[in-house]
Amino acid sequence: MIQVIMAKIKFNIPQAIKTKVLVYDILGKEVATVINDMLKPGDYEIDLEANRLPDGTYFYKLVANGFTETKQVVIKK
């Protein structure tokens, strides 16, 4: 049986800018790039598919136009 674990990442982009959403493990190693693209203004909701990551604590970082926000997500299957 395959269990799909997803976390919703929601954010707003006020203007068209290059945006990255990166995922890091507890040791600070980058384990995934969710977005690395030019995004148009608007509200976004993306799914972080976590079924390929082991259980544990992760951090996702939103980087856009000098703005950085980091939040924690715990994956438990």
Protein backbone atom coordinates (compact mmCIF):
# COMPACT_ATOMS: atom_id res chain seq x y z
CA MET A 1 0.00 0.00 0.00
CA ILE A 2 1.28 3.46 -0.90
CA GLN A 3 0.39 6.21 1.48
CA VAL A 4 0.51 9.74 0.08
CA ILE A 5 1.24 12.39 2.66
CA MET A 6 0.75 16.02 1.63
CA ALA A 7 1.26 19.35 3.30
CA LYS A 8 -0.39 22.47 1.94
CA ILE A 9 1.84 25.50 1.49
CA LYS A 10 -0.12 28.74 1.03
CA PHE A 11 1.32 32.12 0.10
CA ASN A 12 0.58 35.35 -1.77
CA ILE A 13 2.74 37.01 -4.41
CA PRO A 14 2.02 40.78 -4.75
CA GLN A 15 3.89 41.20 -8.05
CA ALA A 16 5.47 39.07 -10.75
CA ILE A 17 8.74 37.86 -9.23
CA LYS A 18 11.13 34.92 -9.18
CA THR A 19 9.96 32.65 -6.37
CA LYS A 20 11.50 29.61 -4.72
CA VAL A 21 10.04 27.15 -2.24
CA LEU A 22 12.74 24.86 -0.85
CA VAL A 23 12.52 22.01 1.67
CA TYR A 24 15.26 21.27 4.21
CA ASP A 25 15.76 18.44 6.65
CA ILE A 26 16.45 18.98 10.35
CA LEU A 27 20.20 19.20 9.64
CA GLY A 28 19.71 22.01 7.12
CA LYS A 29 20.32 19.91 4.01
CA GLU A 30 18.15 20.85 1.04
CA VAL A 31 16.03 17.81 0.17
CA ALA A 32 13.58 19.23 -2.39
CA THR A 33 12.82 22.21 -4.59
CA VAL A 34 9.06 22.63 -4.83
CA ILE A 35 9.04 25.84 -6.91
CA ASN A 36 11.79 27.71 -8.72
CA ASP A 37 10.00 29.88 -11.23
CA MET A 38 8.70 33.33 -12.13
CA LEU A 39 5.21 33.60 -10.63
CA LYS A 40 2.44 36.03 -11.48
CA PRO A 41 0.72 38.04 -8.73
CA GLY A 42 -1.90 36.13 -6.77
CA ASP A 43 -2.66 33.60 -4.07
CA TYR A 44 -1.01 30.20 -4.30
CA GLU A 45 -1.64 26.88 -2.60
CA ILE A 46 0.78 24.10 -3.44
CA ASP A 47 1.05 20.54 -2.24
CA LEU A 48 4.26 19.24 -0.75
CA GLU A 49 4.16 15.53 -1.54
CA ALA A 50 5.99 14.00 1.37
CA ASN A 51 5.60 10.31 0.56
CA ARG A 52 9.17 10.12 -0.75
CA LEU A 53 10.63 11.70 2.40
CA PRO A 54 11.26 9.73 5.59
CA ASP A 55 9.36 10.58 8.75
CA GLY A 56 10.79 13.57 10.53
CA THR A 57 10.86 17.31 10.95
CA TYR A 58 11.39 19.46 7.87
CA PHE A 59 11.42 23.14 7.09
CA TYR A 60 10.16 24.81 3.95
CA LYS A 61 11.48 28.19 2.94
CA LEU A 62 9.74 30.69 0.66
CA VAL A 63 12.16 33.10 -1.03
CA ALA A 64 10.85 35.94 -3.20
CA ASN A 65 12.30 39.35 -3.99
CA GLY A 66 14.42 39.61 -0.84
CA PHE A 67 11.64 38.22 1.36
CA THR A 68 12.26 34.94 3.17
CA GLU A 69 9.87 32.98 5.35
CA THR A 70 10.60 29.60 6.90
CA LYS A 71 8.05 27.27 8.47
CA GLN A 72 8.21 23.82 10.00
CA VAL A 73 6.37 20.71 8.86
CA VAL A 74 6.40 17.30 10.55
CA ILE A 75 5.97 14.21 8.41
CA LYS A 76 4.66 11.11 10.10
CA LYS A 77 3.32 8.23 8.04
